[in-house]
Amino acid sequence: MSQNTDSIDSTSETRAIAYTKRLNPWAIVRLLPNRQKATVARFRSRCDADCNMQRMRQLTPNASFMVVFDCQPDKAAI
């Protein structure tokens, strides 16, 4: 029996995004002016994040990057 995928509600999409964020808790953020930050990429392990951050620093030496552990729970996941 085929499933109708046109009727997927937004709450299930939000839950899927929250679940994906929990799978990849390590993130590389780019530090912007005025104490702002932008998430560049997410990773499952700290080692992967560190290696990719080194490469980003080589490609854009004038930008500031930082590896962070994103442990804030999303409201949609609760």
PDB file of N, CA and C in Angstrom:
ATOM      1  N   MET A   1       0.848  -1.172   0.000  1.00  0.00           N
ATOM      2  CA  MET A   1       0.000   0.000   0.000  1.00  0.00           C
ATOM      3  C   MET A   1       0.895   1.237   0.000  1.00  0.00           C
ATOM      4  N   SER A   2       0.632   2.171  -0.876  1.00  0.00           N
ATOM      5  CA  SER A   2       1.455   3.376  -0.956  1.00  0.00           C
ATOM      6  C   SER A   2       1.006   4.399   0.076  1.00  0.00           C
ATOM      7  N   GLN A   3       1.938   5.219   0.478  1.00  0.00           N
ATOM      8  CA  GLN A   3       1.647   6.246   1.471  1.00  0.00           C
ATOM      9  C   GLN A   3       1.533   7.590   0.790  1.00  0.00           C
ATOM     10  N   ASN A   4       0.664   8.421   1.323  1.00  0.00           N
ATOM     11  CA  ASN A   4       0.496   9.765   0.800  1.00  0.00           C
ATOM     12  C   ASN A   4       1.482  10.679   1.508  1.00  0.00           C
ATOM     13  N   THR A   5       2.506  11.127   0.812  1.00  0.00           N
ATOM     14  CA  THR A   5       3.526  11.981   1.425  1.00  0.00           C
ATOM     15  C   THR A   5       3.189  13.455   1.311  1.00  0.00           C
ATOM     16  N   ASP A   6       2.070  13.783   0.636  1.00  0.00           N
ATOM     17  CA  ASP A   6       1.681  15.186   0.494  1.00  0.00           C
ATOM     18  C   ASP A   6       1.096  15.751   1.779  1.00  0.00           C
ATOM     19  N   SER A   7       0.646  14.901   2.679  1.00  0.00           N
ATOM     20  CA  SER A   7      -0.030  15.376   3.875  1.00  0.00           C
ATOM     21  C   SER A   7       0.867  15.374   5.104  1.00  0.00           C
ATOM     22  N   ILE A   8       2.163  15.532   4.933  1.00  0.00           N
ATOM     23  CA  ILE A   8       3.087  15.594   6.068  1.00  0.00           C
ATOM     24  C   ILE A   8       2.905  16.944   6.751  1.00  0.00           C
ATOM     25  N   ASP A   9       2.615  16.902   8.049  1.00  0.00           N
ATOM     26  CA  ASP A   9       2.389  18.159   8.764  1.00  0.00           C
ATOM     27  C   ASP A   9       3.705  18.797   9.181  1.00  0.00           C
ATOM     28  N   SER A  10       3.642  20.058   9.531  1.00  0.00           N
ATOM     29  CA  SER A  10       4.856  20.804   9.861  1.00  0.00           C
ATOM     30  C   SER A  10       5.480  20.345  11.173  1.00  0.00           C
ATOM     31  N   THR A  11       4.689  19.778  12.078  1.00  0.00           N
ATOM     32  CA  THR A  11       5.267  19.325  13.343  1.00  0.00           C
ATOM     33  C   THR A  11       6.194  18.138  13.131  1.00  0.00           C
ATOM     34  N   SER A  12       5.861  17.257  12.203  1.00  0.00           N
ATOM     35  CA  SER A  12       6.752  16.122  11.948  1.00  0.00           C
ATOM     36  C   SER A  12       8.034  16.595  11.277  1.00  0.00           C
ATOM     37  N   GLU A  13       7.950  17.613  10.417  1.00  0.00           N
ATOM     38  CA  GLU A  13       9.155  18.172   9.803  1.00  0.00           C
ATOM     39  C   GLU A  13      10.023  18.838  10.865  1.00  0.00           C
ATOM     40  N   THR A  14       9.413  19.540  11.790  1.00  0.00           N
ATOM     41  CA  THR A  14      10.157  20.200  12.864  1.00  0.00           C
ATOM     42  C   THR A  14      10.824  19.164  13.754  1.00  0.00           C
ATOM     43  N   ARG A  15      10.137  18.081  14.041  1.00  0.00           N
ATOM     44  CA  ARG A  15      10.717  17.011  14.856  1.00  0.00           C
ATOM     45  C   ARG A  15      11.892  16.361  14.141  1.00  0.00           C
ATOM     46  N   ALA A  16      11.782  16.199  12.830  1.00  0.00           N
ATOM     47  CA  ALA A  16      12.874  15.601  12.060  1.00  0.00           C
ATOM     48  C   ALA A  16      14.102  16.499  12.100  1.00  0.00           C
ATOM     49  N   ILE A  17      13.920  17.790  12.000  1.00  0.00           N
ATOM     50  CA  ILE A  17      15.042  18.726  12.075  1.00  0.00           C
ATOM     51  C   ILE A  17      15.670  18.686  13.465  1.00  0.00           C
ATOM     52  N   ALA A  18      14.850  18.659  14.503  1.00  0.00           N
ATOM     53  CA  ALA A  18      15.373  18.591  15.869  1.00  0.00           C
ATOM     54  C   ALA A  18      16.154  17.297  16.086  1.00  0.00           C
ATOM     55  N   TYR A  19      15.657  16.189  15.541  1.00  0.00           N
ATOM     56  CA  TYR A  19      16.347  14.915  15.669  1.00  0.00           C
ATOM     57  C   TYR A  19      17.697  14.954  14.959  1.00  0.00           C
ATOM     58  N   THR A  20      17.744  15.572  13.793  1.00  0.00           N
ATOM     59  CA  THR A  20      18.997  15.699  13.045  1.00  0.00           C
ATOM     60  C   THR A  20      20.000  16.529  13.821  1.00  0.00           C
ATOM     61  N   LYS A  21      19.552  17.587  14.468  1.00  0.00           N
ATOM     62  CA  LYS A  21      20.462  18.409  15.267  1.00  0.00           C
ATOM     63  C   LYS A  21      21.031  17.608  16.429  1.00  0.00           C
ATOM     64  N   ARG A  22      20.232  16.719  17.019  1.00  0.00           N
ATOM     65  CA  ARG A  22      20.738  15.906  18.122  1.00  0.00           C
ATOM     66  C   ARG A  22      21.750  14.884  17.642  1.00  0.00           C
ATOM     67  N   LEU A  23      21.646  14.452  16.402  1.00  0.00           N
ATOM     68  CA  LEU A  23      22.625  13.514  15.849  1.00  0.00           C
ATOM     69  C   LEU A  23      23.962  14.189  15.593  1.00  0.00           C
ATOM     70  N   ASN A  24      23.944  15.475  15.302  1.00  0.00           N
ATOM     71  CA  ASN A  24      25.153  16.235  14.981  1.00  0.00           C
ATOM     72  C   ASN A  24      25.321  17.385  15.966  1.00  0.00           C
ATOM     73  N   PRO A  25      25.754  17.094  17.200  1.00  0.00           N
ATOM     74  CA  PRO A  25      25.810  18.159  18.204  1.00  0.00           C
ATOM     75  C   PRO A  25      27.003  19.100  18.065  1.00  0.00           C
ATOM     76  N   TRP A  26      28.064  18.690  17.377  1.00  0.00           N
ATOM     77  CA  TRP A  26      29.234  19.556  17.231  1.00  0.00           C
ATOM     78  C   TRP A  26      29.033  20.463  16.022  1.00  0.00           C
ATOM     79  N   ALA A  27      29.273  21.738  16.219  1.00  0.00           N
ATOM     80  CA  ALA A  27      29.054  22.698  15.143  1.00  0.00           C
ATOM     81  C   ALA A  27      30.253  23.625  15.005  1.00  0.00           C
ATOM     82  N   ILE A  28      30.488  24.063  13.783  1.00  0.00           N
ATOM     83  CA  ILE A  28      31.468  25.123  13.525  1.00  0.00           C
ATOM     84  C   ILE A  28      30.666  26.397  13.324  1.00  0.00           C
ATOM     85  N   VAL A  29      30.992  27.406  14.110  1.00  0.00           N
ATOM     86  CA  VAL A  29      30.319  28.691  13.968  1.00  0.00           C
ATOM     87  C   VAL A  29      31.331  29.736  13.523  1.00  0.00           C
ATOM     88  N   ARG A  30      30.863  30.650  12.713  1.00  0.00           N
ATOM     89  CA  ARG A  30      31.689  31.776  12.289  1.00  0.00           C
ATOM     90  C   ARG A  30      31.315  32.966  13.151  1.00  0.00           C
ATOM     91  N   LEU A  31      32.327  33.566  13.760  1.00  0.00           N
ATOM     92  CA  LEU A  31      32.099  34.706  14.634  1.00  0.00           C
ATOM     93  C   LEU A  31      31.978  35.967  13.788  1.00  0.00           C
ATOM     94  N   LEU A  32      30.869  36.660  13.963  1.00  0.00           N
ATOM     95  CA  LEU A  32      30.568  37.866  13.209  1.00  0.00           C
ATOM     96  C   LEU A  32      30.666  39.088  14.114  1.00  0.00           C
ATOM     97  N   PRO A  33      30.660  40.279  13.539  1.00  0.00           N
ATOM     98  CA  PRO A  33      30.689  41.488  14.374  1.00  0.00           C
ATOM     99  C   PRO A  33      29.460  41.579  15.287  1.00  0.00           C
ATOM    100  N   ASN A  34      29.571  42.390  16.295  1.00  0.00           N
ATOM    101  CA  ASN A  34      28.488  42.628  17.263  1.00  0.00           C
ATOM    102  C   ASN A  34      28.064  41.372  18.004  1.00  0.00           C
ATOM    103  N   ARG A  35      29.032  40.507  18.305  1.00  0.00           N
ATOM    104  CA  ARG A  35      28.814  39.296  19.093  1.00  0.00           C
ATOM    105  C   ARG A  35      27.777  38.358  18.481  1.00  0.00           C
ATOM    106  N   GLN A  36      27.654  38.363  17.169  1.00  0.00           N
ATOM    107  CA  GLN A  36      26.758  37.447  16.479  1.00  0.00           C
ATOM    108  C   GLN A  36      27.560  36.254  15.984  1.00  0.00           C
ATOM    109  N   LYS A  37      26.837  35.179  15.678  1.00  0.00           N
ATOM    110  CA  LYS A  37      27.498  33.993  15.141  1.00  0.00           C
ATOM    111  C   LYS A  37      26.588  33.335  14.119  1.00  0.00           C
ATOM    112  N   ALA A  38      27.209  32.617  13.200  1.00  0.00           N
ATOM    113  CA  ALA A  38      26.472  31.896  12.172  1.00  0.00           C
ATOM    114  C   ALA A  38      26.991  30.469  12.121  1.00  0.00           C
ATOM    115  N   THR A  39      26.093  29.503  12.199  1.00  0.00           N
ATOM    116  CA  THR A  39      26.483  28.100  12.114  1.00  0.00           C
ATOM    117  C   THR A  39      26.852  27.773  10.674  1.00  0.00           C
ATOM    118  N   VAL A  40      28.054  27.261  10.506  1.00  0.00           N
ATOM    119  CA  VAL A  40      28.566  26.946   9.174  1.00  0.00           C
ATOM    120  C   VAL A  40      28.316  25.475   8.831  1.00  0.00           C
ATOM    121  N   ALA A  41      28.586  24.573   9.779  1.00  0.00           N
ATOM    122  CA  ALA A  41      28.430  23.140   9.527  1.00  0.00           C
ATOM    123  C   ALA A  41      28.230  22.406  10.846  1.00  0.00           C
ATOM    124  N   ARG A  42      27.659  21.194  10.764  1.00  0.00           N
ATOM    125  CA  ARG A  42      27.435  20.354  11.942  1.00  0.00           C
ATOM    126  C   ARG A  42      28.096  18.993  11.722  1.00  0.00           C
ATOM    127  N   PHE A  43      28.557  18.393  12.842  1.00  0.00           N
ATOM    128  CA  PHE A  43      29.272  17.127  12.766  1.00  0.00           C
ATOM    129  C   PHE A  43      28.886  16.228  13.931  1.00  0.00           C
ATOM    130  N   ARG A  44      29.086  14.942  13.744  1.00  0.00           N
ATOM    131  CA  ARG A  44      28.806  13.978  14.807  1.00  0.00           C
ATOM    132  C   ARG A  44      29.930  13.905  15.838  1.00  0.00           C
ATOM    133  N   SER A  45      31.159  14.166  15.427  1.00  0.00           N
ATOM    134  CA  SER A  45      32.272  14.039  16.363  1.00  0.00           C
ATOM    135  C   SER A  45      33.079  15.334  16.418  1.00  0.00           C
ATOM    136  N   ARG A  46      33.716  15.526  17.538  1.00  0.00           N
ATOM    137  CA  ARG A  46      34.548  16.718  17.726  1.00  0.00           C
ATOM    138  C   ARG A  46      35.750  16.693  16.786  1.00  0.00           C
ATOM    139  N   CYS A  47      36.307  15.516  16.583  1.00  0.00           N
ATOM    140  CA  CYS A  47      37.468  15.373  15.708  1.00  0.00           C
ATOM    141  C   CYS A  47      37.142  15.838  14.289  1.00  0.00           C
ATOM    142  N   ASP A  48      35.983  15.439  13.777  1.00  0.00           N
ATOM    143  CA  ASP A  48      35.574  15.881  12.435  1.00  0.00           C
ATOM    144  C   ASP A  48      35.416  17.393  12.375  1.00  0.00           C
ATOM    145  N   ALA A  49      34.831  17.955  13.417  1.00  0.00           N
ATOM    146  CA  ALA A  49      34.634  19.407  13.452  1.00  0.00           C
ATOM    147  C   ALA A  49      35.971  20.140  13.496  1.00  0.00           C
ATOM    148  N   ASP A  50      36.906  19.657  14.314  1.00  0.00           N
ATOM    149  CA  ASP A  50      38.224  20.294  14.406  1.00  0.00           C
ATOM    150  C   ASP A  50      38.971  20.250  13.073  1.00  0.00           C
ATOM    151  N   CYS A  51      38.943  19.102  12.416  1.00  0.00           N
ATOM    152  CA  CYS A  51      39.638  18.963  11.124  1.00  0.00           C
ATOM    153  C   CYS A  51      39.046  19.897  10.070  1.00  0.00           C
ATOM    154  N   ASN A  52      37.731  19.971  10.025  1.00  0.00           N
ATOM    155  CA  ASN A  52      37.090  20.843   9.048  1.00  0.00           C
ATOM    156  C   ASN A  52      37.301  22.314   9.380  1.00  0.00           C
ATOM    157  N   MET A  53      37.372  22.643  10.670  1.00  0.00           N
ATOM    158  CA  MET A  53      37.628  24.028  11.042  1.00  0.00           C
ATOM    159  C   MET A  53      39.034  24.452  10.613  1.00  0.00           C
ATOM    160  N   GLN A  54      40.016  23.567  10.747  1.00  0.00           N
ATOM    161  CA  GLN A  54      41.368  23.891  10.286  1.00  0.00           C
ATOM    162  C   GLN A  54      41.379  24.184   8.798  1.00  0.00           C
ATOM    163  N   ARG A  55      40.634  23.404   8.044  1.00  0.00           N
ATOM    164  CA  ARG A  55      40.558  23.627   6.594  1.00  0.00           C
ATOM    165  C   ARG A  55      39.878  24.960   6.277  1.00  0.00           C
ATOM    166  N   MET A  56      38.825  25.285   7.006  1.00  0.00           N
ATOM    167  CA  MET A  56      38.133  26.564   6.789  1.00  0.00           C
ATOM    168  C   MET A  56      39.043  27.743   7.116  1.00  0.00           C
ATOM    169  N   ARG A  57      39.846  27.592   8.153  1.00  0.00           N
ATOM    170  CA  ARG A  57      40.794  28.663   8.506  1.00  0.00           C
ATOM    171  C   ARG A  57      41.843  28.849   7.423  1.00  0.00           C
ATOM    172  N   GLN A  58      42.234  27.759   6.755  1.00  0.00           N
ATOM    173  CA  GLN A  58      43.193  27.872   5.656  1.00  0.00           C
ATOM    174  C   GLN A  58      42.567  28.552   4.449  1.00  0.00           C
ATOM    175  N   LEU A  59      41.306  28.241   4.186  1.00  0.00           N
ATOM    176  CA  LEU A  59      40.633  28.807   3.018  1.00  0.00           C
ATOM    177  C   LEU A  59      40.252  30.274   3.208  1.00  0.00           C
ATOM    178  N   THR A  60      39.877  30.635   4.428  1.00  0.00           N
ATOM    179  CA  THR A  60      39.505  32.027   4.723  1.00  0.00           C
ATOM    180  C   THR A  60      40.237  32.492   5.978  1.00  0.00           C
ATOM    181  N   PRO A  61      41.492  32.900   5.833  1.00  0.00           N
ATOM    182  CA  PRO A  61      42.293  33.239   7.013  1.00  0.00           C
ATOM    183  C   PRO A  61      41.821  34.490   7.760  1.00  0.00           C
ATOM    184  N   ASN A  62      41.045  35.348   7.131  1.00  0.00           N
ATOM    185  CA  ASN A  62      40.608  36.566   7.804  1.00  0.00           C
ATOM    186  C   ASN A  62      39.294  36.383   8.572  1.00  0.00           C
ATOM    187  N   ALA A  63      38.710  35.191   8.546  1.00  0.00           N
ATOM    188  CA  ALA A  63      37.477  34.913   9.285  1.00  0.00           C
ATOM    189  C   ALA A  63      37.811  34.189  10.590  1.00  0.00           C
ATOM    190  N   SER A  64      36.935  34.342  11.574  1.00  0.00           N
ATOM    191  CA  SER A  64      37.107  33.681  12.868  1.00  0.00           C
ATOM    192  C   SER A  64      36.089  32.555  13.007  1.00  0.00           C
ATOM    193  N   PHE A  65      36.576  31.350  13.297  1.00  0.00           N
ATOM    194  CA  PHE A  65      35.719  30.186  13.474  1.00  0.00           C
ATOM    195  C   PHE A  65      35.941  29.594  14.858  1.00  0.00           C
ATOM    196  N   MET A  66      34.914  28.867  15.346  1.00  0.00           N
ATOM    197  CA  MET A  66      35.015  28.212  16.642  1.00  0.00           C
ATOM    198  C   MET A  66      34.177  26.933  16.608  1.00  0.00           C
ATOM    199  N   VAL A  67      34.676  25.879  17.256  1.00  0.00           N
ATOM    200  CA  VAL A  67      33.922  24.642  17.396  1.00  0.00           C
ATOM    201  C   VAL A  67      33.142  24.722  18.695  1.00  0.00           C
ATOM    202  N   VAL A  68      31.835  24.425  18.621  1.00  0.00           N
ATOM    203  CA  VAL A  68      30.983  24.472  19.809  1.00  0.00           C
ATOM    204  C   VAL A  68      30.173  23.188  19.908  1.00  0.00           C
ATOM    205  N   PHE A  69      29.769  22.858  21.128  1.00  0.00           N
ATOM    206  CA  PHE A  69      28.870  21.735  21.368  1.00  0.00           C
ATOM    207  C   PHE A  69      27.495  22.332  21.602  1.00  0.00           C
ATOM    208  N   ASP A  70      26.566  22.076  20.702  1.00  0.00           N
ATOM    209  CA  ASP A  70      25.225  22.650  20.766  1.00  0.00           C
ATOM    210  C   ASP A  70      24.331  21.726  21.572  1.00  0.00           C
ATOM    211  N   CYS A  71      24.159  22.016  22.843  1.00  0.00           N
ATOM    212  CA  CYS A  71      23.385  21.135  23.719  1.00  0.00           C
ATOM    213  C   CYS A  71      22.067  21.760  24.131  1.00  0.00           C
ATOM    214  N   GLN A  72      21.681  22.868  23.534  1.00  0.00           N
ATOM    215  CA  GLN A  72      20.412  23.508  23.901  1.00  0.00           C
ATOM    216  C   GLN A  72      19.259  22.715  23.318  1.00  0.00           C
ATOM    217  N   PRO A  73      18.307  22.315  24.150  1.00  0.00           N
ATOM    218  CA  PRO A  73      17.163  21.574  23.614  1.00  0.00           C
ATOM    219  C   PRO A  73      16.236  22.491  22.833  1.00  0.00           C
ATOM    220  N   ASP A  74      15.724  21.996  21.731  1.00  0.00           N
ATOM    221  CA  ASP A  74      14.757  22.751  20.949  1.00  0.00           C
ATOM    222  C   ASP A  74      13.378  22.625  21.581  1.00  0.00           C
ATOM    223  N   LYS A  75      12.581  23.662  21.463  1.00  0.00           N
ATOM    224  CA  LYS A  75      11.209  23.617  22.005  1.00  0.00           C
ATOM    225  C   LYS A  75      10.379  22.588  21.263  1.00  0.00           C
ATOM    226  N   ALA A  76      10.673  22.392  19.980  1.00  0.00           N
ATOM    227  CA  ALA A  76       9.908  21.431  19.188  1.00  0.00           C
ATOM    228  C   ALA A  76      10.195  19.995  19.598  1.00  0.00           C
ATOM    229  N   ALA A  77      11.349  19.742  20.173  1.00  0.00           N
ATOM    230  CA  ALA A  77      11.721  18.384  20.559  1.00  0.00           C
ATOM    231  C   ALA A  77      11.094  17.976  21.872  1.00  0.00           C
ATOM    232  N   ILE A  78      10.587  18.925  22.613  1.00  0.00           N
ATOM    233  CA  ILE A  78      10.006  18.633  23.933  1.00  0.00           C
ATOM    234  C   ILE A  78       8.548  18.238  23.812  1.00  0.00           C
TER     235      ILE A  78
END
